[in-house]
N, C-alpha and C. Protein backbone atom coordinates (compact mmCIF):
# COMPACT_ATOMS: atom_id res chain seq x y z
N MET A 1 0.89 -38.06 13.06
CA MET A 1 -0.26 -37.35 12.56
C MET A 1 -0.07 -37.10 11.06
N LYS A 2 -1.07 -37.45 10.28
CA LYS A 2 -0.98 -37.27 8.84
C LYS A 2 -1.54 -35.92 8.44
N SER A 3 -0.91 -35.32 7.45
CA SER A 3 -1.46 -34.09 6.90
C SER A 3 -2.17 -34.42 5.60
N ASN A 4 -3.13 -33.62 5.25
CA ASN A 4 -3.91 -33.87 4.04
C ASN A 4 -3.28 -33.25 2.80
N ARG A 5 -2.15 -32.62 2.96
CA ARG A 5 -1.48 -32.02 1.81
C ARG A 5 -0.89 -33.12 0.93
N PRO A 6 -1.10 -33.01 -0.37
CA PRO A 6 -0.50 -34.01 -1.25
C PRO A 6 1.01 -33.79 -1.36
N LEU A 7 1.72 -34.88 -1.55
CA LEU A 7 3.17 -34.78 -1.72
C LEU A 7 3.48 -34.26 -3.11
N ILE A 8 4.44 -33.37 -3.17
CA ILE A 8 4.88 -32.82 -4.45
C ILE A 8 6.30 -33.32 -4.67
N ARG A 9 6.48 -34.04 -5.74
CA ARG A 9 7.80 -34.58 -6.05
C ARG A 9 8.50 -33.63 -7.01
N LEU A 10 9.67 -33.19 -6.60
CA LEU A 10 10.47 -32.29 -7.43
C LEU A 10 11.85 -32.88 -7.61
N THR A 11 12.41 -32.64 -8.77
CA THR A 11 13.79 -33.03 -8.99
C THR A 11 14.69 -31.99 -8.32
N PHE A 12 15.97 -32.33 -8.25
CA PHE A 12 16.92 -31.39 -7.65
C PHE A 12 16.93 -30.08 -8.42
N SER A 13 16.88 -30.15 -9.76
CA SER A 13 16.90 -28.94 -10.57
C SER A 13 15.67 -28.07 -10.31
N GLN A 14 14.50 -28.71 -10.19
CA GLN A 14 13.28 -27.95 -9.94
C GLN A 14 13.32 -27.28 -8.56
N GLU A 15 13.81 -28.02 -7.57
CA GLU A 15 13.90 -27.46 -6.23
C GLU A 15 14.91 -26.30 -6.19
N ARG A 16 16.04 -26.48 -6.83
CA ARG A 16 17.05 -25.43 -6.87
C ARG A 16 16.54 -24.21 -7.64
N TYR A 17 15.79 -24.46 -8.72
CA TYR A 17 15.18 -23.38 -9.49
C TYR A 17 14.23 -22.56 -8.61
N ASN A 18 13.39 -23.24 -7.84
CA ASN A 18 12.45 -22.54 -6.95
C ASN A 18 13.19 -21.69 -5.92
N ILE A 19 14.26 -22.22 -5.36
CA ILE A 19 15.03 -21.48 -4.36
C ILE A 19 15.67 -20.24 -5.00
N LEU A 20 16.26 -20.42 -6.18
CA LEU A 20 16.93 -19.30 -6.85
C LEU A 20 15.94 -18.23 -7.31
N ILE A 21 14.77 -18.63 -7.76
CA ILE A 21 13.74 -17.66 -8.16
C ILE A 21 13.28 -16.86 -6.95
N ARG A 22 13.09 -17.53 -5.81
CA ARG A 22 12.71 -16.81 -4.59
C ARG A 22 13.78 -15.79 -4.20
N LYS A 23 15.05 -16.19 -4.29
CA LYS A 23 16.14 -15.27 -3.97
C LYS A 23 16.15 -14.08 -4.93
N GLN A 24 15.89 -14.36 -6.22
CA GLN A 24 15.89 -13.29 -7.21
C GLN A 24 14.74 -12.31 -6.94
N ARG A 25 13.56 -12.83 -6.64
CA ARG A 25 12.40 -11.96 -6.39
C ARG A 25 12.57 -11.14 -5.13
N ASN A 26 13.28 -11.69 -4.13
CA ASN A 26 13.53 -10.94 -2.90
C ASN A 26 14.67 -9.94 -3.06
N GLY A 27 15.44 -10.07 -4.13
CA GLY A 27 16.55 -9.17 -4.36
C GLY A 27 17.82 -9.61 -3.67
N ASN A 28 17.89 -10.87 -3.24
CA ASN A 28 19.05 -11.38 -2.52
C ASN A 28 19.97 -12.24 -3.37
N ALA A 29 19.67 -12.39 -4.65
CA ALA A 29 20.45 -13.28 -5.51
C ALA A 29 21.78 -12.63 -5.88
N SER A 30 22.82 -13.43 -5.77
CA SER A 30 24.14 -12.96 -6.20
C SER A 30 24.32 -13.26 -7.68
N PHE A 31 25.43 -12.79 -8.22
CA PHE A 31 25.71 -13.03 -9.63
C PHE A 31 25.84 -14.52 -9.91
N ASN A 32 26.49 -15.25 -9.00
CA ASN A 32 26.65 -16.70 -9.17
C ASN A 32 25.30 -17.42 -9.13
N ASP A 33 24.38 -16.94 -8.28
CA ASP A 33 23.03 -17.52 -8.23
C ASP A 33 22.32 -17.32 -9.55
N LEU A 34 22.46 -16.15 -10.14
CA LEU A 34 21.81 -15.88 -11.41
C LEU A 34 22.40 -16.72 -12.54
N ILE A 35 23.72 -16.94 -12.49
CA ILE A 35 24.36 -17.80 -13.48
C ILE A 35 23.84 -19.23 -13.34
N GLU A 36 23.73 -19.71 -12.09
CA GLU A 36 23.22 -21.05 -11.85
C GLU A 36 21.77 -21.18 -12.32
N LEU A 37 20.98 -20.15 -12.08
CA LEU A 37 19.59 -20.14 -12.53
C LEU A 37 19.51 -20.22 -14.05
N ASP A 38 20.36 -19.47 -14.72
CA ASP A 38 20.40 -19.51 -16.19
C ASP A 38 20.78 -20.90 -16.70
N GLU A 39 21.75 -21.53 -16.05
CA GLU A 39 22.17 -22.87 -16.45
C GLU A 39 21.05 -23.89 -16.25
N ILE A 40 20.32 -23.77 -15.15
CA ILE A 40 19.22 -24.69 -14.89
C ILE A 40 18.14 -24.53 -15.95
N VAL A 41 17.82 -23.29 -16.28
CA VAL A 41 16.78 -23.04 -17.28
C VAL A 41 17.21 -23.59 -18.64
N ASN A 42 18.46 -23.41 -19.00
CA ASN A 42 18.95 -23.91 -20.29
C ASN A 42 19.08 -25.43 -20.33
N ARG A 43 19.31 -26.06 -19.17
CA ARG A 43 19.56 -27.49 -19.12
C ARG A 43 18.27 -28.31 -19.02
N ASP A 44 17.26 -27.81 -18.30
CA ASP A 44 16.05 -28.58 -18.02
C ASP A 44 14.91 -28.16 -18.94
N PRO A 45 14.48 -29.03 -19.86
CA PRO A 45 13.44 -28.64 -20.82
C PRO A 45 12.09 -28.38 -20.16
N ALA A 46 11.76 -29.08 -19.07
CA ALA A 46 10.47 -28.87 -18.41
C ALA A 46 10.40 -27.47 -17.81
N ILE A 47 11.47 -27.05 -17.18
CA ILE A 47 11.51 -25.70 -16.58
C ILE A 47 11.49 -24.65 -17.68
N ARG A 48 12.25 -24.89 -18.74
CA ARG A 48 12.28 -23.94 -19.85
C ARG A 48 10.88 -23.76 -20.45
N GLU A 49 10.17 -24.87 -20.62
CA GLU A 49 8.82 -24.81 -21.18
C GLU A 49 7.87 -24.04 -20.26
N SER A 50 7.99 -24.26 -18.94
CA SER A 50 7.10 -23.53 -18.01
C SER A 50 7.39 -22.04 -18.04
N ILE A 51 8.65 -21.66 -18.18
CA ILE A 51 9.01 -20.24 -18.25
C ILE A 51 8.48 -19.62 -19.53
N LEU A 52 8.59 -20.35 -20.64
CA LEU A 52 8.07 -19.84 -21.91
C LEU A 52 6.55 -19.66 -21.84
N GLU A 53 5.85 -20.56 -21.17
CA GLU A 53 4.40 -20.42 -21.01
C GLU A 53 4.06 -19.20 -20.16
N GLU A 54 4.82 -18.98 -19.07
CA GLU A 54 4.60 -17.81 -18.23
C GLU A 54 4.83 -16.52 -19.01
N MET A 55 5.88 -16.51 -19.82
CA MET A 55 6.18 -15.32 -20.60
C MET A 55 5.08 -15.06 -21.62
N GLN A 56 4.52 -16.13 -22.18
CA GLN A 56 3.44 -15.97 -23.15
C GLN A 56 2.19 -15.43 -22.47
N GLU A 57 1.92 -15.85 -21.24
CA GLU A 57 0.78 -15.33 -20.48
C GLU A 57 0.96 -13.86 -20.15
N ILE A 58 2.19 -13.46 -19.88
CA ILE A 58 2.45 -12.05 -19.57
C ILE A 58 2.27 -11.19 -20.82
N ASP A 59 2.74 -11.70 -21.97
CA ASP A 59 2.62 -10.94 -23.21
C ASP A 59 1.18 -10.83 -23.68
N ASN A 60 0.40 -11.89 -23.50
CA ASN A 60 -1.00 -11.93 -23.94
C ASN A 60 -1.88 -12.30 -22.75
N PRO A 61 -2.14 -11.37 -21.83
CA PRO A 61 -2.87 -11.73 -20.60
C PRO A 61 -4.32 -12.10 -20.82
N THR A 62 -4.94 -11.68 -21.91
CA THR A 62 -6.35 -11.97 -22.11
C THR A 62 -6.57 -13.30 -22.81
N GLN A 63 -5.53 -13.90 -23.34
CA GLN A 63 -5.68 -15.16 -24.05
C GLN A 63 -5.91 -16.29 -23.06
N GLY A 64 -7.03 -17.02 -23.23
CA GLY A 64 -7.27 -18.19 -22.41
C GLY A 64 -7.83 -17.90 -21.03
N ARG A 65 -7.98 -16.68 -20.65
CA ARG A 65 -8.51 -16.34 -19.33
C ARG A 65 -9.64 -15.35 -19.48
N ASP A 66 -10.61 -15.48 -18.61
CA ASP A 66 -11.72 -14.54 -18.63
C ASP A 66 -11.48 -13.50 -17.53
N LYS A 67 -10.73 -12.50 -17.88
CA LYS A 67 -10.45 -11.42 -16.93
C LYS A 67 -11.38 -10.26 -17.23
N PRO A 68 -11.83 -9.59 -16.18
CA PRO A 68 -12.68 -8.43 -16.44
C PRO A 68 -11.86 -7.31 -17.09
N ASP A 69 -12.52 -6.58 -17.95
CA ASP A 69 -11.85 -5.46 -18.60
C ASP A 69 -11.49 -4.40 -17.58
N ILE A 70 -10.36 -3.80 -17.77
CA ILE A 70 -9.93 -2.73 -16.88
C ILE A 70 -10.61 -1.45 -17.35
N ILE A 71 -11.32 -0.83 -16.43
CA ILE A 71 -12.04 0.40 -16.77
C ILE A 71 -11.27 1.57 -16.17
N ILE A 72 -10.89 2.47 -17.04
CA ILE A 72 -10.17 3.67 -16.60
C ILE A 72 -11.19 4.81 -16.56
N PRO A 73 -11.44 5.34 -15.36
CA PRO A 73 -12.44 6.41 -15.29
C PRO A 73 -11.92 7.68 -15.95
N GLU A 74 -12.81 8.34 -16.64
CA GLU A 74 -12.44 9.60 -17.28
C GLU A 74 -12.47 10.70 -16.23
N GLN A 75 -11.52 11.59 -16.31
CA GLN A 75 -11.48 12.69 -15.37
C GLN A 75 -12.52 13.72 -15.77
N PHE A 76 -13.14 14.29 -14.75
CA PHE A 76 -14.18 15.27 -14.98
C PHE A 76 -13.55 16.59 -15.39
N ARG A 77 -14.02 17.14 -16.47
CA ARG A 77 -13.56 18.45 -16.93
C ARG A 77 -14.74 19.40 -16.94
N PRO A 78 -14.58 20.58 -16.38
CA PRO A 78 -15.68 21.54 -16.39
C PRO A 78 -16.10 21.88 -17.82
N VAL A 79 -17.40 22.03 -17.99
CA VAL A 79 -17.95 22.21 -19.32
C VAL A 79 -17.84 23.66 -19.78
N ASN A 80 -18.24 24.59 -18.93
CA ASN A 80 -18.24 25.98 -19.39
C ASN A 80 -17.24 26.81 -18.59
N LEU A 81 -17.14 28.08 -18.93
CA LEU A 81 -16.16 28.98 -18.31
C LEU A 81 -16.42 29.17 -16.83
N LEU A 82 -17.70 29.30 -16.44
CA LEU A 82 -18.04 29.49 -15.03
C LEU A 82 -17.59 28.29 -14.19
N GLN A 83 -17.80 27.09 -14.70
CA GLN A 83 -17.37 25.89 -13.96
C GLN A 83 -15.85 25.80 -13.90
N GLN A 84 -15.16 26.22 -14.93
CA GLN A 84 -13.70 26.21 -14.91
C GLN A 84 -13.17 27.20 -13.87
N ILE A 85 -13.76 28.38 -13.79
CA ILE A 85 -13.34 29.38 -12.80
C ILE A 85 -13.61 28.87 -11.39
N ARG A 86 -14.78 28.26 -11.19
CA ARG A 86 -15.14 27.73 -9.88
C ARG A 86 -14.15 26.63 -9.47
N ALA A 87 -13.79 25.74 -10.38
CA ALA A 87 -12.85 24.66 -10.08
C ALA A 87 -11.47 25.24 -9.75
N PHE A 88 -11.05 26.27 -10.46
CA PHE A 88 -9.76 26.89 -10.20
C PHE A 88 -9.73 27.51 -8.80
N ILE A 89 -10.80 28.21 -8.42
CA ILE A 89 -10.86 28.85 -7.09
C ILE A 89 -10.89 27.78 -6.00
N ASN A 90 -11.63 26.71 -6.23
CA ASN A 90 -11.66 25.62 -5.23
C ASN A 90 -10.27 25.02 -5.04
N LYS A 91 -9.53 24.85 -6.12
CA LYS A 91 -8.17 24.32 -6.01
C LYS A 91 -7.28 25.27 -5.22
N LEU A 92 -7.44 26.58 -5.46
CA LEU A 92 -6.64 27.56 -4.72
C LEU A 92 -6.93 27.49 -3.23
N PHE A 93 -8.21 27.40 -2.87
CA PHE A 93 -8.57 27.32 -1.45
C PHE A 93 -8.07 26.02 -0.82
N MET A 94 -8.12 24.95 -1.56
CA MET A 94 -7.63 23.67 -1.02
C MET A 94 -6.13 23.74 -0.77
N ILE A 95 -5.40 24.35 -1.69
CA ILE A 95 -3.95 24.50 -1.52
C ILE A 95 -3.65 25.42 -0.36
N ALA A 96 -4.41 26.52 -0.26
CA ALA A 96 -4.18 27.48 0.81
C ALA A 96 -4.46 26.85 2.18
N THR A 97 -5.55 26.10 2.31
CA THR A 97 -5.87 25.47 3.60
C THR A 97 -4.84 24.40 3.95
N HIS A 98 -4.32 23.72 2.94
CA HIS A 98 -3.30 22.69 3.19
C HIS A 98 -2.01 23.33 3.69
N LEU A 99 -1.66 24.48 3.14
CA LEU A 99 -0.41 25.15 3.54
C LEU A 99 -0.55 25.82 4.90
N LEU A 100 -1.75 26.22 5.27
CA LEU A 100 -1.95 26.92 6.53
C LEU A 100 -2.21 26.00 7.71
N LYS A 101 -2.31 24.71 7.50
CA LYS A 101 -2.55 23.77 8.61
C LYS A 101 -1.33 23.80 9.53
N PRO A 102 -1.58 23.86 10.83
CA PRO A 102 -0.44 23.87 11.77
C PRO A 102 0.19 22.47 11.84
N ALA A 103 1.50 22.47 11.94
CA ALA A 103 2.23 21.21 12.06
C ALA A 103 2.12 20.69 13.47
N LEU A 104 1.94 19.40 13.62
CA LEU A 104 1.81 18.81 14.97
C LEU A 104 3.11 18.28 15.45
């Protein structure tokens, strides 16, 4: 039975790089694995170039991509003294009801 997935040809260095990066991201990489990863990155120019491109995308995320702007909502602040007092009392009641809830 044939699968429709295209074949991806990787060199030994690329395959080993992928394995070591997965181990690093999972937190399972040993010191020797990290040393080997560093050697692969320094030895293989294609891998080094891809890492530099990724780092450039992280530093400048809006360059070359149309990402929506991140909107940070402003927190509501009471305008006058009466609203500030009302907000303070509401917070007190919320804290009091939270503390008085029976534990299950």
